[in-house]
Amino acid sequence: MIRHRVESGERRPDMNMTALIVTGSPAGAIVAISVFVMGWAGIPQARPFILGSVVLGIAFGLLLWWKRR
């Protein structure tokens, strides 16, 4: 296992996810779905949080859609 020395600044991930811009295009949908699938498959402990976030997001989106109709 490779250990990184954080204090020396040697830790360089391949992609900085904070700099990733997800657009409203089909490519953005692919990125969003891919990140969701990786999180769902890779972090089983986060599944209740992910599921709750999806449910609350759908509920909030439907509420906004209903109020602005």
PDB file of N, CA and C in Angstrom:
ATOM      1  N   MET A   1       0.837  -1.169   0.000  1.00  0.00           N
ATOM      2  CA  MET A   1       0.000   0.000   0.000  1.00  0.00           C
ATOM      3  C   MET A   1       0.891   1.244   0.000  1.00  0.00           C
ATOM      4  N   ILE A   2       0.537   2.206  -0.841  1.00  0.00           N
ATOM      5  CA  ILE A   2       1.307   3.437  -0.939  1.00  0.00           C
ATOM      6  C   ILE A   2       0.798   4.425   0.101  1.00  0.00           C
ATOM      7  N   ARG A   3       1.707   4.966   0.868  1.00  0.00           N
ATOM      8  CA  ARG A   3       1.351   5.987   1.858  1.00  0.00           C
ATOM      9  C   ARG A   3       1.796   7.344   1.342  1.00  0.00           C
ATOM     10  N   HIS A   4       0.925   8.330   1.465  1.00  0.00           N
ATOM     11  CA  HIS A   4       1.227   9.669   0.995  1.00  0.00           C
ATOM     12  C   HIS A   4       1.566  10.560   2.186  1.00  0.00           C
ATOM     13  N   ARG A   5       2.523  11.400   1.989  1.00  0.00           N
ATOM     14  CA  ARG A   5       2.874  12.367   3.024  1.00  0.00           C
ATOM     15  C   ARG A   5       2.116  13.650   2.733  1.00  0.00           C
ATOM     16  N   VAL A   6       1.037  13.895   3.478  1.00  0.00           N
ATOM     17  CA  VAL A   6       0.188  15.046   3.244  1.00  0.00           C
ATOM     18  C   VAL A   6       0.923  16.335   3.576  1.00  0.00           C
ATOM     19  N   GLU A   7       1.718  16.337   4.644  1.00  0.00           N
ATOM     20  CA  GLU A   7       2.371  17.573   5.062  1.00  0.00           C
ATOM     21  C   GLU A   7       3.411  18.055   4.061  1.00  0.00           C
ATOM     22  N   SER A   8       3.961  17.178   3.252  1.00  0.00           N
ATOM     23  CA  SER A   8       4.971  17.606   2.291  1.00  0.00           C
ATOM     24  C   SER A   8       4.364  17.996   0.948  1.00  0.00           C
ATOM     25  N   GLY A   9       3.073  17.826   0.785  1.00  0.00           N
ATOM     26  CA  GLY A   9       2.419  18.190  -0.461  1.00  0.00           C
ATOM     27  C   GLY A   9       2.615  17.170  -1.569  1.00  0.00           C
ATOM     28  N   GLU A  10       2.972  15.935  -1.243  1.00  0.00           N
ATOM     29  CA  GLU A  10       3.203  14.919  -2.263  1.00  0.00           C
ATOM     30  C   GLU A  10       1.926  14.256  -2.744  1.00  0.00           C
ATOM     31  N   ARG A  11       0.839  14.468  -2.075  1.00  0.00           N
ATOM     32  CA  ARG A  11      -0.401  13.794  -2.450  1.00  0.00           C
ATOM     33  C   ARG A  11      -1.039  14.530  -3.621  1.00  0.00           C
ATOM     34  N   ARG A  12      -1.040  13.893  -4.785  1.00  0.00           N
ATOM     35  CA  ARG A  12      -1.612  14.494  -5.973  1.00  0.00           C
ATOM     36  C   ARG A  12      -2.592  13.507  -6.607  1.00  0.00           C
ATOM     37  N   PRO A  13      -3.892  13.701  -6.413  1.00  0.00           N
ATOM     38  CA  PRO A  13      -4.845  12.780  -7.049  1.00  0.00           C
ATOM     39  C   PRO A  13      -4.835  12.963  -8.573  1.00  0.00           C
ATOM     40  N   ASP A  14      -5.282  11.948  -9.265  1.00  0.00           N
ATOM     41  CA  ASP A  14      -5.314  12.014 -10.726  1.00  0.00           C
ATOM     42  C   ASP A  14      -6.271  13.082 -11.227  1.00  0.00           C
ATOM     43  N   MET A  15      -7.391  13.245 -10.548  1.00  0.00           N
ATOM     44  CA  MET A  15      -8.371  14.244 -10.964  1.00  0.00           C
ATOM     45  C   MET A  15      -8.863  14.990  -9.732  1.00  0.00           C
ATOM     46  N   ASN A  16      -8.894  16.296  -9.813  1.00  0.00           N
ATOM     47  CA  ASN A  16      -9.416  17.111  -8.732  1.00  0.00           C
ATOM     48  C   ASN A  16     -10.919  17.256  -8.946  1.00  0.00           C
ATOM     49  N   MET A  17     -11.713  16.567  -8.145  1.00  0.00           N
ATOM     50  CA  MET A  17     -13.163  16.578  -8.323  1.00  0.00           C
ATOM     51  C   MET A  17     -13.776  17.941  -8.014  1.00  0.00           C
ATOM     52  N   THR A  18     -13.088  18.789  -7.248  1.00  0.00           N
ATOM     53  CA  THR A  18     -13.633  20.110  -6.950  1.00  0.00           C
ATOM     54  C   THR A  18     -13.564  21.028  -8.156  1.00  0.00           C
ATOM     55  N   ALA A  19     -12.711  20.717  -9.124  1.00  0.00           N
ATOM     56  CA  ALA A  19     -12.591  21.542 -10.320  1.00  0.00           C
ATOM     57  C   ALA A  19     -13.458  21.020 -11.458  1.00  0.00           C
ATOM     58  N   LEU A  20     -14.226  19.968 -11.226  1.00  0.00           N
ATOM     59  CA  LEU A  20     -15.049  19.360 -12.257  1.00  0.00           C
ATOM     60  C   LEU A  20     -16.347  20.147 -12.404  1.00  0.00           C
ATOM     61  N   ILE A  21     -16.628  20.619 -13.597  1.00  0.00           N
ATOM     62  CA  ILE A  21     -17.853  21.362 -13.875  1.00  0.00           C
ATOM     63  C   ILE A  21     -18.818  20.423 -14.583  1.00  0.00           C
ATOM     64  N   VAL A  22     -19.990  20.216 -13.993  1.00  0.00           N
ATOM     65  CA  VAL A  22     -21.008  19.350 -14.577  1.00  0.00           C
ATOM     66  C   VAL A  22     -22.054  20.235 -15.224  1.00  0.00           C
ATOM     67  N   THR A  23     -22.190  20.144 -16.527  1.00  0.00           N
ATOM     68  CA  THR A  23     -23.121  20.981 -17.265  1.00  0.00           C
ATOM     69  C   THR A  23     -24.497  20.319 -17.350  1.00  0.00           C
ATOM     70  N   GLY A  24     -25.440  21.017 -17.923  1.00  0.00           N
ATOM     71  CA  GLY A  24     -26.786  20.487 -18.092  1.00  0.00           C
ATOM     72  C   GLY A  24     -26.961  19.750 -19.402  1.00  0.00           C
ATOM     73  N   SER A  25     -25.896  19.253 -19.968  1.00  0.00           N
ATOM     74  CA  SER A  25     -25.946  18.541 -21.243  1.00  0.00           C
ATOM     75  C   SER A  25     -25.979  17.029 -20.992  1.00  0.00           C
ATOM     76  N   PRO A  26     -26.146  16.235 -22.053  1.00  0.00           N
ATOM     77  CA  PRO A  26     -26.081  14.779 -21.876  1.00  0.00           C
ATOM     78  C   PRO A  26     -24.751  14.318 -21.282  1.00  0.00           C
ATOM     79  N   ALA A  27     -23.664  15.013 -21.589  1.00  0.00           N
ATOM     80  CA  ALA A  27     -22.373  14.646 -21.001  1.00  0.00           C
ATOM     81  C   ALA A  27     -22.393  14.867 -19.491  1.00  0.00           C
ATOM     82  N   GLY A  28     -23.044  15.930 -19.040  1.00  0.00           N
ATOM     83  CA  GLY A  28     -23.179  16.180 -17.604  1.00  0.00           C
ATOM     84  C   GLY A  28     -23.996  15.106 -16.921  1.00  0.00           C
ATOM     85  N   ALA A  29     -25.036  14.626 -17.604  1.00  0.00           N
ATOM     86  CA  ALA A  29     -25.850  13.546 -17.052  1.00  0.00           C
ATOM     87  C   ALA A  29     -25.036  12.265 -16.918  1.00  0.00           C
ATOM     88  N   ILE A  30     -24.183  12.001 -17.895  1.00  0.00           N
ATOM     89  CA  ILE A  30     -23.333  10.807 -17.832  1.00  0.00           C
ATOM     90  C   ILE A  30     -22.381  10.903 -16.652  1.00  0.00           C
ATOM     91  N   VAL A  31     -21.787  12.086 -16.452  1.00  0.00           N
ATOM     92  CA  VAL A  31     -20.866  12.277 -15.329  1.00  0.00           C
ATOM     93  C   VAL A  31     -21.606  12.113 -14.007  1.00  0.00           C
ATOM     94  N   ALA A  32     -22.780  12.734 -13.874  1.00  0.00           N
ATOM     95  CA  ALA A  32     -23.535  12.661 -12.631  1.00  0.00           C
ATOM     96  C   ALA A  32     -23.965  11.228 -12.315  1.00  0.00           C
ATOM     97  N   ILE A  33     -24.433  10.511 -13.312  1.00  0.00           N
ATOM     98  CA  ILE A  33     -24.853   9.125 -13.105  1.00  0.00           C
ATOM     99  C   ILE A  33     -23.643   8.250 -12.770  1.00  0.00           C
ATOM    100  N   SER A  34     -22.511   8.503 -13.420  1.00  0.00           N
ATOM    101  CA  SER A  34     -21.302   7.724 -13.136  1.00  0.00           C
ATOM    102  C   SER A  34     -20.816   7.924 -11.706  1.00  0.00           C
ATOM    103  N   VAL A  35     -20.822   9.180 -11.247  1.00  0.00           N
ATOM    104  CA  VAL A  35     -20.403   9.457  -9.871  1.00  0.00           C
ATOM    105  C   VAL A  35     -21.367   8.795  -8.892  1.00  0.00           C
ATOM    106  N   PHE A  36     -22.660   8.826  -9.188  1.00  0.00           N
ATOM    107  CA  PHE A  36     -23.659   8.171  -8.337  1.00  0.00           C
ATOM    108  C   PHE A  36     -23.398   6.662  -8.264  1.00  0.00           C
ATOM    109  N   VAL A  37     -23.178   6.030  -9.398  1.00  0.00           N
ATOM    110  CA  VAL A  37     -22.954   4.576  -9.427  1.00  0.00           C
ATOM    111  C   VAL A  37     -21.664   4.209  -8.696  1.00  0.00           C
ATOM    112  N   MET A  38     -20.610   5.004  -8.897  1.00  0.00           N
ATOM    113  CA  MET A  38     -19.353   4.715  -8.196  1.00  0.00           C
ATOM    114  C   MET A  38     -19.519   4.863  -6.688  1.00  0.00           C
ATOM    115  N   GLY A  39     -20.244   5.879  -6.263  1.00  0.00           N
ATOM    116  CA  GLY A  39     -20.489   6.053  -4.835  1.00  0.00           C
ATOM    117  C   GLY A  39     -21.343   4.941  -4.268  1.00  0.00           C
ATOM    118  N   TRP A  40     -22.352   4.528  -5.011  1.00  0.00           N
ATOM    119  CA  TRP A  40     -23.255   3.464  -4.551  1.00  0.00           C
ATOM    120  C   TRP A  40     -22.515   2.127  -4.441  1.00  0.00           C
ATOM    121  N   ALA A  41     -21.691   1.823  -5.430  1.00  0.00           N
ATOM    122  CA  ALA A  41     -20.987   0.540  -5.439  1.00  0.00           C
ATOM    123  C   ALA A  41     -19.742   0.553  -4.563  1.00  0.00           C
ATOM    124  N   GLY A  42     -19.079   1.697  -4.477  1.00  0.00           N
ATOM    125  CA  GLY A  42     -17.798   1.743  -3.794  1.00  0.00           C
ATOM    126  C   GLY A  42     -17.861   2.031  -2.308  1.00  0.00           C
ATOM    127  N   ILE A  43     -18.950   2.651  -1.847  1.00  0.00           N
ATOM    128  CA  ILE A  43     -19.051   3.020  -0.433  1.00  0.00           C
ATOM    129  C   ILE A  43     -20.392   2.504   0.107  1.00  0.00           C
ATOM    130  N   PRO A  44     -20.455   1.229   0.489  1.00  0.00           N
ATOM    131  CA  PRO A  44     -21.729   0.677   0.960  1.00  0.00           C
ATOM    132  C   PRO A  44     -22.286   1.386   2.202  1.00  0.00           C
ATOM    133  N   GLN A  45     -21.406   1.943   3.046  1.00  0.00           N
ATOM    134  CA  GLN A  45     -21.871   2.624   4.248  1.00  0.00           C
ATOM    135  C   GLN A  45     -22.608   3.917   3.909  1.00  0.00           C
ATOM    136  N   ALA A  46     -22.396   4.457   2.734  1.00  0.00           N
ATOM    137  CA  ALA A  46     -23.023   5.717   2.342  1.00  0.00           C
ATOM    138  C   ALA A  46     -24.368   5.516   1.646  1.00  0.00           C
ATOM    139  N   ARG A  47     -24.796   4.285   1.454  1.00  0.00           N
ATOM    140  CA  ARG A  47     -26.041   4.035   0.723  1.00  0.00           C
ATOM    141  C   ARG A  47     -27.272   4.669   1.370  1.00  0.00           C
ATOM    142  N   PRO A  48     -27.434   4.631   2.704  1.00  0.00           N
ATOM    143  CA  PRO A  48     -28.599   5.320   3.280  1.00  0.00           C
ATOM    144  C   PRO A  48     -28.568   6.831   3.029  1.00  0.00           C
ATOM    145  N   PHE A  49     -27.385   7.435   3.100  1.00  0.00           N
ATOM    146  CA  PHE A  49     -27.260   8.864   2.834  1.00  0.00           C
ATOM    147  C   PHE A  49     -27.580   9.177   1.375  1.00  0.00           C
ATOM    148  N   ILE A  50     -27.051   8.367   0.448  1.00  0.00           N
ATOM    149  CA  ILE A  50     -27.297   8.587  -0.977  1.00  0.00           C
ATOM    150  C   ILE A  50     -28.774   8.422  -1.288  1.00  0.00           C
ATOM    151  N   LEU A  51     -29.384   7.380  -0.753  1.00  0.00           N
ATOM    152  CA  LEU A  51     -30.803   7.141  -0.990  1.00  0.00           C
ATOM    153  C   LEU A  51     -31.645   8.281  -0.421  1.00  0.00           C
ATOM    154  N   GLY A  52     -31.324   8.729   0.795  1.00  0.00           N
ATOM    155  CA  GLY A  52     -32.047   9.842   1.395  1.00  0.00           C
ATOM    156  C   GLY A  52     -31.875  11.122   0.603  1.00  0.00           C
ATOM    157  N   SER A  53     -30.680  11.362   0.085  1.00  0.00           N
ATOM    158  CA  SER A  53     -30.426  12.556  -0.725  1.00  0.00           C
ATOM    159  C   SER A  53     -31.245  12.527  -2.012  1.00  0.00           C
ATOM    160  N   VAL A  54     -31.324  11.370  -2.633  1.00  0.00           N
ATOM    161  CA  VAL A  54     -32.113  11.247  -3.865  1.00  0.00           C
ATOM    162  C   VAL A  54     -33.590  11.483  -3.573  1.00  0.00           C
ATOM    163  N   VAL A  55     -34.102  10.889  -2.505  1.00  0.00           N
ATOM    164  CA  VAL A  55     -35.520  11.053  -2.151  1.00  0.00           C
ATOM    165  C   VAL A  55     -35.826  12.514  -1.826  1.00  0.00           C
ATOM    166  N   LEU A  56     -34.985  13.161  -1.014  1.00  0.00           N
ATOM    167  CA  LEU A  56     -35.207  14.569  -0.678  1.00  0.00           C
ATOM    168  C   LEU A  56     -35.061  15.466  -1.902  1.00  0.00           C
ATOM    169  N   GLY A  57     -34.118  15.157  -2.784  1.00  0.00           N
ATOM    170  CA  GLY A  57     -33.957  15.938  -4.007  1.00  0.00           C
ATOM    171  C   GLY A  57     -35.173  15.845  -4.913  1.00  0.00           C
ATOM    172  N   ILE A  58     -35.720  14.642  -5.052  1.00  0.00           N
ATOM    173  CA  ILE A  58     -36.930  14.470  -5.866  1.00  0.00           C
ATOM    174  C   ILE A  58     -38.104  15.205  -5.230  1.00  0.00           C
ATOM    175  N   ALA A  59     -38.266  15.074  -3.910  1.00  0.00           N
ATOM    176  CA  ALA A  59     -39.366  15.752  -3.218  1.00  0.00           C
ATOM    177  C   ALA A  59     -39.254  17.271  -3.351  1.00  0.00           C
ATOM    178  N   PHE A  60     -38.055  17.813  -3.166  1.00  0.00           N
ATOM    179  CA  PHE A  60     -37.860  19.256  -3.275  1.00  0.00           C
ATOM    180  C   PHE A  60     -38.081  19.728  -4.711  1.00  0.00           C
ATOM    181  N   GLY A  61     -37.587  18.960  -5.686  1.00  0.00           N
ATOM    182  CA  GLY A  61     -37.799  19.307  -7.089  1.00  0.00           C
ATOM    183  C   GLY A  61     -39.269  19.298  -7.465  1.00  0.00           C
ATOM    184  N   LEU A  62     -40.005  18.302  -6.986  1.00  0.00           N
ATOM    185  CA  LEU A  62     -41.448  18.262  -7.261  1.00  0.00           C
ATOM    186  C   LEU A  62     -42.175  19.400  -6.581  1.00  0.00           C
ATOM    187  N   LEU A  63     -41.768  19.762  -5.365  1.00  0.00           N
ATOM    188  CA  LEU A  63     -42.387  20.893  -4.670  1.00  0.00           C
ATOM    189  C   LEU A  63     -42.158  22.196  -5.438  1.00  0.00           C
ATOM    190  N   LEU A  64     -40.935  22.433  -5.897  1.00  0.00           N
ATOM    191  CA  LEU A  64     -40.654  23.643  -6.670  1.00  0.00           C
ATOM    192  C   LEU A  64     -41.410  23.643  -7.990  1.00  0.00           C
ATOM    193  N   TRP A  65     -41.461  22.497  -8.648  1.00  0.00           N
ATOM    194  CA  TRP A  65     -42.189  22.403  -9.909  1.00  0.00           C
ATOM    195  C   TRP A  65     -43.676  22.690  -9.703  1.00  0.00           C
ATOM    196  N   TRP A  66     -44.248  22.130  -8.630  1.00  0.00           N
ATOM    197  CA  TRP A  66     -45.672  22.311  -8.350  1.00  0.00           C
ATOM    198  C   TRP A  66     -45.980  23.769  -8.005  1.00  0.00           C
ATOM    199  N   LYS A  67     -45.103  24.435  -7.221  1.00  0.00           N
ATOM    200  CA  LYS A  67     -45.354  25.826  -6.821  1.00  0.00           C
ATOM    201  C   LYS A  67     -45.214  26.786  -7.987  1.00  0.00           C
ATOM    202  N   ARG A  68     -44.401  26.487  -8.971  1.00  0.00           N
ATOM    203  CA  ARG A  68     -44.153  27.408 -10.079  1.00  0.00           C
ATOM    204  C   ARG A  68     -44.969  27.106 -11.327  1.00  0.00           C
ATOM    205  N   ARG A  69     -45.854  26.131 -11.267  1.00  0.00           N
ATOM    206  CA  ARG A  69     -46.694  25.799 -12.431  1.00  0.00           C
ATOM    207  C   ARG A  69     -47.672  26.875 -12.719  1.00  0.00           C
TER     208      ARG A  69
END
